[in-house]
Every structure is written in C-alpha cells, then in structure tokens.
Protein backbone atom coordinates (compact mmCIF):
# COMPACT_ATOMS: atom_id res chain seq x y z
CA MET A 1 92.88 -145.22 -107.52
CA ASN A 2 95.11 -148.12 -106.56
CA HIS A 3 98.36 -147.42 -104.80
CA PRO A 4 101.14 -150.00 -105.00
CA GLU A 5 101.92 -151.84 -101.81
CA ALA A 6 105.14 -151.06 -100.05
CA PRO A 7 107.91 -153.63 -100.42
CA TYR A 8 108.69 -155.74 -97.40
CA HIS A 9 111.41 -157.56 -95.51
CA HIS A 10 110.30 -161.08 -94.72
CA LEU A 11 111.25 -162.58 -91.36
CA THR A 12 110.18 -166.16 -90.75
CA LEU A 13 110.09 -167.42 -87.19
CA THR A 14 109.62 -171.17 -86.79
CA PHE A 15 108.68 -172.55 -83.36
CA ALA A 16 109.70 -176.01 -82.16
CA PRO A 17 108.59 -176.73 -78.57
CA HIS A 18 110.70 -178.91 -76.27
CA PRO A 19 109.99 -179.97 -72.68
CA GLN A 20 112.07 -177.21 -71.07
CA HIS A 21 112.34 -174.61 -73.82
CA VAL A 22 111.23 -173.55 -77.29
CA ALA A 23 113.70 -173.76 -80.17
CA LEU A 24 113.39 -170.90 -82.66
CA ARG A 25 114.68 -170.58 -86.20
CA TRP A 26 114.97 -167.07 -87.65
CA GLU A 27 115.21 -166.71 -91.44
CA ALA A 28 115.50 -163.54 -93.50
CA ALA A 29 117.37 -162.31 -96.55
CA VAL A 30 119.58 -160.03 -94.46
CA LEU A 31 120.22 -162.76 -91.87
CA GLY A 32 120.42 -166.08 -93.55
CA MET A 33 119.40 -168.49 -90.81
CA ARG A 34 119.88 -168.10 -87.05
CA GLU A 35 118.80 -170.31 -84.15
CA SER A 36 117.87 -169.34 -80.61
CA ARG A 37 116.05 -170.63 -77.56
CA MET A 38 113.19 -169.21 -75.57
CA VAL A 39 111.61 -170.01 -72.22
CA LEU A 40 107.93 -169.11 -72.15
CA PRO A 41 107.12 -166.41 -69.56
CA PHE A 42 103.92 -168.23 -68.56
CA ALA A 43 103.49 -171.68 -67.06
CA PRO A 44 101.31 -173.88 -69.32
CA GLY A 45 98.84 -174.45 -66.51
CA ASP A 46 98.34 -170.67 -66.13
CA LEU A 47 97.38 -170.04 -69.76
CA PRO A 48 93.61 -170.62 -69.39
CA THR A 49 93.46 -168.03 -66.58
CA LEU A 50 95.66 -165.58 -68.46
CA LEU A 51 93.68 -165.86 -71.70
CA ARG A 52 90.38 -165.45 -69.87
CA ALA A 53 91.74 -162.31 -68.20
CA LEU A 54 92.66 -160.82 -71.58
CA ASP A 55 89.25 -161.73 -72.93
CA CYS A 56 87.55 -159.91 -70.05
CA LEU A 57 89.37 -156.72 -71.03
CA GLN A 58 87.65 -156.77 -74.42
CA HIS A 59 84.48 -155.74 -72.57
CA PRO A 60 84.57 -152.03 -71.68
CA ASN A 61 81.83 -152.85 -69.15
CA TYR A 62 84.01 -155.53 -67.57
CA ALA A 63 84.29 -153.72 -64.22
CA LEU A 64 80.51 -153.44 -63.95
CA LEU A 65 79.94 -157.02 -65.11
CA ALA A 66 82.47 -158.36 -62.62
CA GLN A 67 80.55 -156.72 -59.80
CA GLN A 68 76.99 -157.41 -60.93
CA ALA A 69 76.91 -160.40 -63.28
CA ASN A 70 76.16 -163.69 -61.60
CA HIS A 71 78.46 -165.82 -63.72
CA PRO A 72 81.83 -167.43 -62.96
CA TRP A 73 83.37 -166.13 -66.20
CA TRP A 74 83.85 -162.75 -64.58
CA PHE A 75 84.98 -164.16 -61.25
CA PHE A 76 88.61 -165.04 -60.48
CA SER A 77 89.28 -167.21 -57.47
CA ALA A 78 91.91 -166.34 -54.89
CA SER A 79 94.38 -168.73 -56.51
CA GLU A 80 93.66 -167.30 -59.97
CA GLN A 81 94.11 -163.78 -58.63
CA ALA A 82 97.46 -164.84 -57.18
CA THR A 83 98.45 -166.31 -60.54
CA LEU A 84 97.59 -163.10 -62.37
CA ALA A 85 99.26 -160.98 -59.70
CA GLY A 86 102.44 -163.00 -60.17
CA TYR A 87 102.59 -161.77 -63.76
CA GLY A 88 101.58 -158.21 -62.86
CA LEU A 89 98.13 -158.64 -64.41
CA TRP A 90 95.87 -158.18 -61.37
CA ASP A 91 94.70 -154.93 -59.80
CA ALA A 92 94.38 -155.85 -56.11
CA GLN A 93 92.84 -152.52 -55.15
CA ARG A 94 90.00 -152.75 -57.67
CA GLN A 95 89.82 -156.56 -57.53
CA LEU A 96 89.86 -156.70 -61.31
CA VAL A 97 92.14 -157.69 -64.14
CA ASP A 98 94.59 -154.83 -64.50
CA SER A 99 93.53 -152.45 -67.26
CA ALA A 100 97.02 -152.62 -68.78
CA ALA A 101 97.26 -156.42 -68.64
CA ASP A 102 97.33 -156.79 -72.43
CA ARG A 103 100.25 -154.37 -72.71
CA ARG A 104 102.05 -156.26 -69.96
CA VAL A 105 101.52 -159.59 -71.73
CA GLY A 106 102.87 -158.08 -74.95
CA ARG A 107 106.02 -156.91 -73.17
CA LEU A 108 106.53 -160.24 -71.39
CA LEU A 109 106.25 -162.14 -74.66
CA PHE A 110 108.67 -159.80 -76.39
CA ALA A 111 111.19 -160.02 -73.54
CA ALA A 112 111.04 -163.82 -73.59
CA LEU A 113 111.32 -163.94 -77.38
CA THR A 114 114.42 -161.74 -77.44
CA ALA A 115 116.12 -162.88 -74.21
CA ASP A 116 118.57 -164.91 -76.25
CA THR A 117 121.19 -162.56 -77.72
CA VAL A 118 120.95 -164.29 -81.09
CA ALA A 119 117.21 -163.65 -81.19
CA GLN A 120 117.60 -160.03 -80.12
CA GLN A 121 120.17 -159.36 -82.82
CA ALA A 122 118.14 -161.16 -85.47
CA LEU A 123 114.97 -159.17 -84.81
CA GLU A 124 116.82 -155.88 -84.45
CA THR A 125 118.69 -156.45 -87.71
CA VAL A 126 115.59 -157.14 -89.80
CA ARG A 127 113.49 -154.50 -88.06
CA ASN A 128 116.12 -151.78 -88.40
CA HIS A 129 116.79 -152.76 -92.00
CA ALA A 130 113.09 -152.40 -92.77
CA VAL A 131 112.90 -149.00 -91.07
CA ALA A 132 116.05 -147.71 -92.76
CA ASN A 133 114.73 -148.72 -96.18
CA GLY A 134 111.17 -147.54 -95.59
CA VAL A 135 109.63 -150.97 -96.14
CA MET A 136 107.24 -153.15 -94.17
CA LEU A 137 108.33 -155.83 -91.75
CA TRP A 138 106.66 -159.11 -92.66
CA LEU A 139 106.60 -161.47 -89.69
CA ALA A 140 105.65 -165.05 -90.53
CA LEU A 141 105.00 -167.28 -87.50
CA ARG A 142 105.15 -171.01 -88.20
CA PHE A 143 103.69 -173.53 -85.75
CA PRO A 144 103.83 -177.32 -85.90
CA PRO A 145 100.55 -179.10 -85.14
CA TYR A 146 101.68 -180.06 -81.63
CA ALA A 147 102.49 -176.47 -80.55
CA THR A 148 99.01 -175.69 -79.21
CA GLU A 149 100.23 -173.70 -76.21
CA LEU A 150 102.46 -171.52 -78.38
CA ALA A 151 99.74 -170.88 -80.95
CA ALA A 152 97.29 -169.95 -78.18
CA LEU A 153 99.36 -166.91 -77.18
CA PRO A 154 98.55 -163.43 -78.56
CA TRP A 155 101.76 -162.84 -80.53
CA GLU A 156 100.06 -160.00 -82.41
CA ALA A 157 100.18 -157.98 -79.15
CA LEU A 158 104.01 -158.00 -78.93
CA ARG A 159 105.43 -154.79 -77.45
CA ASP A 160 109.11 -153.90 -77.47
CA SER A 161 111.23 -152.54 -74.64
CA LEU A 162 109.92 -149.04 -75.37
CA ASP A 163 106.35 -150.31 -75.01
CA GLN A 164 105.72 -149.83 -78.73
CA PRO A 165 103.57 -152.41 -80.56
CA LEU A 166 105.89 -154.39 -82.82
CA LEU A 167 103.29 -154.46 -85.61
CA LEU A 168 102.63 -150.70 -85.49
CA SER A 169 106.04 -149.10 -85.09
CA GLY A 170 108.92 -148.07 -87.30
CA GLY A 171 106.92 -145.81 -89.61
CA GLN A 172 105.14 -148.70 -91.36
CA GLN A 173 102.43 -151.03 -90.15
CA ALA A 174 103.91 -154.55 -90.05
CA ILE A 175 102.38 -157.70 -91.41
CA CYS A 176 101.92 -160.69 -89.12
CA VAL A 177 100.78 -164.01 -90.56
CA ARG A 178 100.40 -167.39 -88.90
CA HIS A 179 101.15 -170.63 -90.73
CA LEU A 180 100.38 -174.21 -89.75
CA ASP A 181 103.13 -176.63 -90.73
CA LEU A 182 101.02 -179.68 -91.49
CA PRO A 183 102.01 -182.95 -93.18
CA LEU A 184 99.23 -182.47 -95.73
CA ALA A 185 99.28 -181.65 -99.45
CA LEU A 186 98.29 -178.15 -100.47
CA PRO A 187 95.19 -177.83 -102.67
CA PRO A 188 95.34 -175.71 -105.84
CA ILE A 189 94.13 -172.13 -105.72
CA LEU A 190 90.85 -172.06 -107.63
CA PRO A 191 89.88 -169.13 -109.87
CA VAL A 192 87.34 -166.57 -108.70
CA GLN A 193 85.35 -163.93 -110.55
CA ARG A 194 84.56 -160.32 -109.96
CA PRO A 195 82.22 -159.43 -108.38
CA LEU A 196 83.30 -161.39 -105.35
CA ASP A 197 80.61 -163.87 -104.22
CA VAL A 198 79.99 -163.12 -100.54
CA LEU A 199 77.84 -165.31 -98.29
CA ALA A 200 76.87 -163.54 -95.05
CA LEU A 201 75.98 -165.76 -92.09
CA ALA A 202 74.49 -164.08 -89.01
CA PRO A 203 72.54 -166.66 -86.98
CA LYS A 204 69.71 -165.52 -84.74
CA ALA A 205 70.62 -168.04 -82.05
CA HIS A 206 71.24 -166.39 -78.69
CA ILE A 207 71.52 -162.93 -80.30
CA PRO A 208 69.09 -160.43 -78.71
CA ALA A 209 66.97 -158.45 -81.13
CA SER A 210 68.63 -155.08 -80.47
CA VAL A 211 72.13 -156.49 -80.91
CA ARG A 212 71.19 -158.34 -84.08
CA GLN A 213 69.60 -155.24 -85.59
CA ALA A 214 72.64 -153.09 -84.77
CA GLU A 215 75.02 -155.52 -86.46
CA ARG A 216 72.75 -156.03 -89.46
CA THR A 217 72.31 -152.29 -90.03
CA ALA A 218 76.04 -151.60 -89.92
CA ARG A 219 76.90 -154.61 -92.10
CA ARG A 220 74.26 -153.91 -94.73
CA THR A 221 75.24 -150.26 -94.95
CA ILE A 222 78.78 -151.29 -95.87
CA LEU A 223 78.07 -154.31 -98.05
CA ALA A 224 75.15 -152.71 -99.91
CA GLN A 225 77.43 -149.92 -101.03
CA LEU A 226 80.05 -152.40 -102.20
CA GLU A 227 77.38 -154.35 -104.07
CA ALA A 228 76.06 -151.18 -105.72
CA GLU A 229 79.61 -150.45 -106.90
CA GLY A 230 79.80 -153.90 -108.47
CA LEU A 231 82.53 -155.09 -106.14
CA ILE A 232 80.61 -157.95 -104.56
CA ARG A 233 77.59 -160.17 -105.12
CA LEU A 234 75.94 -160.62 -101.74
CA ARG A 235 73.83 -163.46 -100.41
CA GLU A 236 72.43 -163.51 -96.88
CA LEU A 237 71.34 -166.79 -95.37
CA GLU A 238 68.47 -166.76 -92.87
CA PRO A 239 67.98 -168.75 -90.76
CA VAL A 240 71.52 -170.14 -90.63
CA THR A 241 70.77 -173.81 -90.00
CA ARG A 242 73.11 -176.63 -90.94
CA THR A 243 70.72 -177.76 -93.67
CA ALA A 244 70.30 -174.25 -95.09
CA LEU A 245 74.07 -173.74 -95.08
CA VAL A 246 74.73 -177.01 -96.92
CA ASN A 247 72.03 -176.15 -99.49
CA ALA A 248 73.43 -172.64 -100.05
CA ILE A 249 76.96 -173.94 -100.60
CA ASN A 250 75.72 -176.71 -102.91
CA GLU A 251 73.80 -174.15 -104.96
CA ARG A 252 76.79 -171.86 -105.38
CA PRO A 253 80.06 -172.03 -103.43
CA ALA A 254 81.04 -168.65 -102.02
CA ASP A 255 84.39 -166.93 -102.50
CA LEU A 256 84.16 -165.16 -99.16
CA ILE A 257 82.28 -166.35 -96.07
CA TYR A 258 81.32 -163.73 -93.49
CA PHE A 259 80.18 -165.09 -90.12
CA TYR A 260 78.95 -162.97 -87.26
CA GLY A 261 77.71 -164.66 -84.10
CA HIS A 262 78.75 -166.82 -81.20
CA GLY A 263 81.81 -168.99 -81.03
CA HIS A 264 83.36 -171.04 -78.29
CA TYR A 265 86.16 -173.39 -77.39
CA GLN A 266 84.97 -175.97 -74.90
CA ALA A 267 86.06 -179.48 -73.94
CA GLY A 268 88.93 -179.28 -76.41
CA GLN A 269 86.78 -178.39 -79.43
CA GLY A 270 86.00 -175.10 -81.15
CA GLY A 271 82.58 -174.39 -82.61
CA LEU A 272 80.15 -171.80 -83.92
CA LEU A 273 76.54 -171.36 -82.85
CA LEU A 274 74.09 -171.84 -85.73
CA ASP A 275 70.31 -171.75 -85.72
CA GLY A 276 68.49 -174.98 -84.89
CA GLU A 277 66.52 -176.78 -87.60
CA HIS A 278 63.24 -176.22 -85.72
CA GLY A 279 64.14 -173.10 -83.79
CA GLY A 280 66.58 -172.75 -80.95
CA GLU A 281 70.28 -173.22 -81.53
CA ALA A 282 72.83 -175.77 -82.71
CA TRP A 283 76.49 -175.66 -81.72
CA THR A 284 78.44 -176.85 -84.74
CA ASP A 285 81.97 -178.11 -84.22
CA SER A 286 85.05 -177.12 -86.18
CA GLN A 287 85.25 -180.36 -88.15
CA ARG A 288 81.71 -180.05 -89.54
CA LEU A 289 82.32 -176.40 -90.41
CA ALA A 290 85.56 -177.25 -92.18
CA LYS A 291 83.82 -179.75 -94.45
CA VAL A 292 80.96 -177.51 -95.54
CA LEU A 293 83.03 -174.33 -96.02
CA ALA A 294 86.05 -175.98 -97.64
CA GLU A 295 85.49 -174.43 -101.12
CA ALA A 296 85.73 -170.84 -99.90
CA LYS A 297 88.81 -168.74 -100.62
CA ILE A 298 88.50 -166.44 -97.61
CA VAL A 299 86.63 -166.90 -94.34
CA LEU A 300 86.06 -163.96 -92.00
CA LEU A 301 85.00 -165.18 -88.56
CA PHE A 302 83.64 -162.38 -86.40
CA ALA A 303 82.83 -164.67 -83.54
CA CYS A 304 84.23 -164.94 -80.07
CA ARG A 305 87.40 -166.99 -80.03
CA GLY A 306 87.18 -168.36 -83.57
CA ALA A 307 90.99 -168.45 -83.50
CA ALA A 308 91.26 -169.60 -79.88
CA LEU A 309 93.14 -172.63 -78.69
CA LEU A 310 92.80 -173.16 -74.97
CA PRO A 311 95.34 -175.47 -73.37
CA ASP A 312 93.79 -177.32 -70.44
CA THR A 313 95.93 -179.35 -68.09
CA ASN A 314 92.83 -181.26 -66.96
CA GLN A 315 92.13 -182.59 -70.45
CA PRO A 316 94.23 -184.53 -72.94
CA ALA A 317 95.88 -182.61 -75.75
CA HIS A 318 93.39 -182.12 -78.56
CA GLY A 319 95.79 -180.64 -81.05
CA MET A 320 95.98 -177.59 -83.22
CA LEU A 321 93.07 -178.49 -85.50
CA SER A 322 90.50 -178.37 -82.72
CA GLY A 323 90.16 -174.62 -83.19
CA VAL A 324 87.70 -173.37 -85.82
CA ALA A 325 90.13 -171.19 -87.78
CA HIS A 326 92.82 -173.85 -87.73
CA ALA A 327 90.46 -176.60 -88.89
CA LEU A 328 89.22 -174.45 -91.78
CA ASN A 329 92.78 -173.65 -92.81
CA ALA A 330 93.84 -177.30 -92.70
CA GLU A 331 90.81 -178.30 -94.80
CA GLY A 332 92.09 -176.17 -97.66
CA ILE A 333 90.72 -172.64 -97.18
CA PRO A 334 93.79 -170.52 -97.99
CA LEU A 335 92.94 -167.45 -95.89
CA VAL A 336 91.18 -167.39 -92.53
CA LEU A 337 90.76 -164.21 -90.53
CA ALA A 338 89.46 -164.96 -87.03
CA MET A 339 89.41 -163.52 -83.53
CA GLN A 340 91.51 -164.62 -80.57
CA PHE A 341 89.14 -163.02 -78.07
CA THR A 342 85.76 -161.31 -77.95
CA VAL A 343 84.98 -159.09 -80.93
CA ARG A 344 83.04 -155.82 -80.93
CA ILE A 345 80.45 -154.67 -83.41
CA SER A 346 82.42 -151.54 -84.27
CA ALA A 347 85.62 -153.53 -84.84
CA ALA A 348 83.85 -156.20 -86.88
CA THR A 349 82.05 -153.83 -89.23
CA ARG A 350 85.09 -151.59 -89.68
CA ALA A 351 87.25 -154.63 -90.47
CA VAL A 352 84.77 -155.84 -93.09
CA GLU A 353 84.74 -152.44 -94.78
CA LEU A 354 88.53 -152.20 -94.90
CA LEU A 355 89.15 -155.78 -95.98
CA VAL A 356 86.58 -156.00 -98.76
CA ARG A 357 87.53 -152.62 -100.22
CA ASP A 358 91.25 -153.39 -100.08
CA LEU A 359 90.86 -156.84 -101.63
CA ASN A 360 88.79 -155.52 -104.49
CA GLY A 361 91.27 -152.67 -104.91
CA GLY A 362 94.10 -155.13 -105.54
CA HIS A 363 95.71 -155.08 -102.11
CA SER A 364 96.94 -158.34 -100.63
CA ILE A 365 95.07 -159.93 -97.76
CA GLN A 366 98.21 -159.60 -95.63
CA ALA A 367 98.57 -155.86 -96.19
CA SER A 368 94.82 -155.39 -95.77
CA ALA A 369 94.96 -157.06 -92.35
CA ALA A 370 97.86 -154.80 -91.35
CA ARG A 371 95.94 -151.69 -92.42
CA MET A 372 92.93 -152.94 -90.47
CA ARG A 373 95.04 -153.25 -87.30
CA ARG A 374 96.28 -149.72 -87.68
CA ALA A 375 92.74 -148.40 -88.15
CA LEU A 376 91.48 -150.16 -85.02
CA PHE A 377 94.45 -148.94 -82.99
CA VAL A 378 93.91 -145.34 -84.07
CA GLU A 379 90.11 -145.22 -83.95
CA GLU A 380 89.28 -147.05 -80.72
CA GLU A 381 89.46 -145.10 -77.49
CA ASP A 382 90.88 -147.97 -75.43
CA GLN A 383 92.96 -149.58 -78.22
CA ARG A 384 91.85 -153.11 -77.37
CA SER A 385 90.72 -154.67 -80.64
CA TRP A 386 93.77 -154.14 -82.84
CA TYR A 387 95.58 -157.31 -81.74
CA VAL A 388 92.47 -159.52 -81.58
CA PRO A 389 92.33 -160.53 -85.29
CA THR A 390 94.64 -163.28 -86.49
CA LEU A 391 95.38 -164.16 -90.11
CA THR A 392 96.21 -167.79 -90.83
CA ILE A 393 97.36 -168.71 -94.32
CA ARG A 394 98.00 -172.02 -96.00
CA SER A 395 98.96 -171.59 -99.64
CA ARG A 396 101.43 -172.74 -102.27
CA GLU A 397 102.51 -169.13 -102.56
CA ILE A 398 104.43 -167.40 -99.82
CA GLY A 399 104.30 -163.73 -100.81
CA PRO A 400 101.36 -161.32 -100.90
CA LEU A 401 98.12 -163.05 -101.87
CA ARG A 402 95.51 -161.10 -103.80
CA ILE A 403 92.02 -161.90 -104.92
CA PHE A 404 92.30 -159.43 -107.81
CA ALA A 405 95.36 -158.04 -109.55
CA PRO A 406 95.73 -154.23 -109.25
CA ALA A 407 95.73 -153.65 -113.03
CA GLN A 408 92.60 -155.72 -113.66
CA ALA A 409 90.22 -153.67 -115.80
CA GLN A 410 87.28 -155.88 -116.76
CA PRO A 411 84.71 -156.16 -113.93
CA MET A 412 83.95 -159.81 -114.66
CA ALA A 413 87.39 -160.93 -115.73
CA GLN A 414 88.35 -164.27 -114.29
CA THR A 415 91.42 -164.35 -112.10
CA ALA A 416 92.91 -166.39 -109.33
CA LEU A 417 94.02 -165.92 -105.78
CA LEU A 418 97.49 -164.98 -106.87
CA PRO A 419 100.78 -163.76 -105.50
CA SER A 420 101.89 -160.21 -106.04
CA ALA A 421 103.95 -159.96 -109.20
CA ASP A 422 105.67 -156.75 -108.16
CA ALA A 423 106.61 -157.79 -104.63
CA PRO A 424 110.28 -158.52 -103.93
CA GLN A 425 110.94 -162.21 -103.42
CA PRO A 426 113.09 -163.12 -100.40
CA THR A 427 116.21 -165.15 -101.09
CA HIS A 428 116.18 -166.80 -97.68
CA GLY A 429 113.41 -168.13 -95.49
CA PRO A 430 110.00 -169.02 -96.88
CA GLY A 431 110.71 -167.75 -100.37
CA ALA A 432 113.31 -170.46 -100.81
CA ARG A 433 110.77 -173.26 -100.31
CA MET A 434 107.80 -174.71 -102.08
CA GLY A 435 105.01 -176.65 -100.46
CA ASP A 436 103.70 -176.45 -96.95
CA ARG A 437 106.33 -176.17 -94.37
CA ASP A 438 104.56 -173.50 -94.99
CA ALA A 439 89.53 -171.30 -76.32
CA MET A 440 87.16 -171.48 -74.69
CA GLN A 441 83.52 -170.46 -74.69
CA GLY A 442 83.01 -166.94 -73.40
CA PRO A 443 80.79 -163.92 -73.02
CA HIS A 444 78.65 -162.43 -75.72
CA PRO A 445 80.60 -161.80 -78.95
CA LEU A 446 79.03 -158.43 -79.56
CA ALA A 447 80.96 -156.55 -76.93
CA PRO A 448 80.75 -152.76 -76.85
CA SER A 449 83.41 -150.29 -77.72
CA PRO A 450 84.26 -147.86 -74.93
CA ALA A 451 81.44 -145.54 -74.05
CA SER A 452 81.65 -142.31 -75.93
CA GLY A 453 78.00 -142.42 -76.78
CA ARG A 454 74.85 -140.59 -75.95
CA GLY A 455 72.39 -143.19 -74.82
CA VAL A 456 71.77 -146.71 -73.63
CA THR A 457 68.75 -148.87 -74.25
CA LYS A 458 67.92 -152.20 -72.71
CA ASP A 459 66.62 -155.29 -74.45
CA ASP A 460 66.72 -158.90 -73.29
CA GLY A 461 69.51 -158.24 -70.84
CA CYS A 462 71.65 -156.45 -73.41
CA SER A 463 72.79 -152.87 -73.60
CA VAL A 464 73.39 -151.09 -76.89
CA ALA A 465 75.58 -147.99 -76.78
CA LEU A 466 75.41 -145.65 -79.75
CA GLY A 467 78.84 -144.07 -79.95
CA GLU A 468 79.81 -140.99 -81.88
CA GLY A 469 81.19 -141.92 -85.26
CA GLN A 470 81.93 -145.54 -84.38
CA GLY A 471 78.61 -147.21 -85.10
CA GLU A 472 76.48 -149.43 -82.92
CA ARG A 473 78.11 -151.40 -80.16
CA ALA A 474 76.55 -153.94 -77.85
CA THR A 475 77.19 -156.43 -75.14
CA CYS A 476 75.05 -159.05 -73.54
CA SER A 477 75.18 -160.06 -69.92
CA PRO A 478 75.88 -163.78 -69.50
CA PRO A 479 72.74 -165.85 -69.01
CA ALA A 480 72.28 -167.25 -65.55
CA SER A 481 71.45 -170.66 -66.99
CA SER A 482 74.89 -171.18 -68.50
CA PRO A 483 76.86 -174.14 -67.15
CA PRO A 484 78.94 -173.09 -64.13
CA ALA A 485 82.16 -174.48 -65.61
CA SER A 486 81.80 -172.64 -68.91
CA PRO A 487 81.89 -168.99 -69.89
CA PRO A 488 78.62 -167.49 -71.10
CA PRO A 489 77.72 -167.82 -74.78
C-alpha cells in the first residue's frame, strides 16, 4: 500500500564564498528572500585533518586500529592533535579523536550558520512553520563550482543548540539535498520502464574474500526478493573491469547503478577501484566514470568518500567536479547518492533495501533518502552512519522526483523520472526558477557496525563481525604497503 508523502516547506540556502566570509541567501515561501553572512568555524587549512578525524570515527574498531595498525591514516601528529583539540575534537587522555567529535562538528556548523541574526530568524521561521503545520522541512543547499571547501563539510550532521540533529527533529524527518550551480545546460529526463534495470558493480579488487561474501550475501538477499516481486531487473557484472563495464552499458544502459567497493580522493581527483583487465586492480578517475555511466538515472555509490572533496592547501584548487559524485551529477545523471566518509556493510545494504522499495512504491528519491537517514539513526548503536550519505540532484524539476508515479498500475508501463504532482509548489525560492541555478583515499570501505555480535573470524587481515539483526559487517586493516602519504585503500 502506498502512503502519500507529507507536504513540505522548502528552504533554499545558496552559498557564495568570499575571502573573509560566506554570503548566504535564504529563500522560502514564508520568508521571501533574506541575506546573511557566515564565518566558517574551521580554518581552510584544518579541513583535511578534521575530515580525516570524522572518517576515523566511522570505524568502531578505530581505537584498536589507532594503537595496532602500522599506517599513518590512524596517526595524528602533535600539530594535528593540537588542531583537533582547538576545536574540542581530540581526547587527550585516550590519545584518540573524541568519540563525540561528529556531534561537536554539527553544533559548530550550526552555530556558525545561525550566528547572524537574520540567518537565525530565517531558519527558525521556516523550521517552526513546518513543525506547526506538521510538514517536512526541505533544505536545499546550493553550491557554486568554486565552493569546494564549503561543499566538503558535512552539512547533513547539523545539530541545533539543543544538540538535536536538524534533519531528524521537529516530529518529521527533514529532507536535505545538495545542488551544484553549474553554467551547463540540463539534459532531458529520459523515460524508464518497470521493472527498474539495476546494474550491480562489486569489484573484487582489494576486497578480501570474507568481506566480499558478506556484502554479496546481504545484497543478493535484498535484491533477489525485489526481483522476484517484479520490481527490478538485476544484472551483476563480474569482474568489473573498464572493458566489461563499457560493454555492459553499450548492451543495455541501466536505470540504476549500484557500486560497492573502494573509493578515494587523492591528488585532487576522486576515483573508484575497478578490477584490472588481467587481474589486479585499476583505479578509475571521476571523469572516466562520468562518461561511461552518464545514461543512468540514479547512481548509488557505496564506496568510501564517493562524495568527498578534500581541500588541500599544498595543491592547487581542483574544483568541485573532481569528486566522483559531483562529476557524475555534472555529466547529466540526475540523482547521485554517495558517501562523505567510510560506509559500513550494514548501512549500505539497509540503504539499498529502503531506497529501492521506496522508489518502486512511488516515493520520491528525496523522501526516501530522509527515511533512510532516520532508519540508520534509530537502528545503529553508535548512530554514526546517518549523516554519511549525501544526495546531489541536478534536474529541470525542483520538487520531489520519482521514478514511478504512486498510482501506476501496469508493471511494465513506461514513465519518466517525474516531479510529484500532488506536492505543494513553493512560491519563492527554487520553485520560482527554471533551469539550473539549480577526499581523500582512506581505510577499507567495508567498516563494521558497532560490535553487538557473537563472533569474529579472520581472513586476509580482515575481521567480520556478525551482529544481531544488523547483518554482516566487516573492516579491513590498512595494508602496510600503502603509500605513506595516503590513507589505506
């Protein structure tokens, strides 16, 4: 049974960075347009250290890895410790990133965002109006292509003055969508058919056998059921080489691309790890990936830092499109769900289940992502993964985007990626426009959920914890052969 989505209040926040501050434009039906200023709470040169610290927290075994793993990714120098301590993110007694560092970052970002009285009043007005009317808050974040440092920050983790997650408070889960304001034309939205054509990509490269089997078992359990129900048509590519990927796309372009494996952001360029043509591995940069996957409607990247942008003061600015998710979005893929940090098996498989079911049930991708966040927040013991996913959209439509309309009755009826017909249209902000105004390499992407399990097995340096009711989880210790200046793959 399909339930109609709740109406929403749309708040668009447009960022415009300047040398000494960030100019913000707030737009909503109940506001009109307001302008404010913000000073970032973090120095640009500190962002790589800060983002690495948050990534470390995605590993429940971080404390053990920091003590035992012989890799610089887990080690923070005295100067880096001082930097983190200055923001209240370092536990000097344990000599580790503070376990509440992500909450602290969320509060610092919120305080900086609302320090200007105009900004505080604007957010409070829209938020309270949404709560009073029992509707969802829809937060649209718009970044110009030169705002790499701003886009690199985990805005999804915002926490208000009461330490409540902005996206999970007020009685309704809130929607948060990122938009890239690019000087490029928007491609048309091509029709798709039910069942949804899904291409699953899970390269073997650098994935230990036990970890690969755990992910495959969980994924196939979910997707096989959806295929049996006629919701999807599934293809699995193996091995996932560049040639095999090109051939598969040429044979039949996929509506939805599912990728599970390694990702990185290194030397100013994002990439995914594919299988080599003759064995081994092949890092494939964001620009190549954007070209071969450009016909997809949705891309789900369950890879470390697929949505990462890592500012580096030692390198020239590489721009917004150096990240994998951003490059795919700019190439014309309307919807890209990707991870800011390390992703866990339990979070990845749960997200796939929720998203595919919701999309085929007529829910919008935006509402589906919001429901996914709530599920991860509620179900995970340490509540780490809920802010990791990011949703980046580039479309001619501004409202809710659906693969299938809720009232669609014929299983094979042709439809389009279309806006919700029953959703209220804002009179200010993005609804008043047409067109498009609208990192780092790190540890193993298959990080474990917190230990609530019953056993641990070892295989190729990896541990697989079987938790109770949360599926298989795994993490891999960083290989000693990794380059000293880079995090482990």
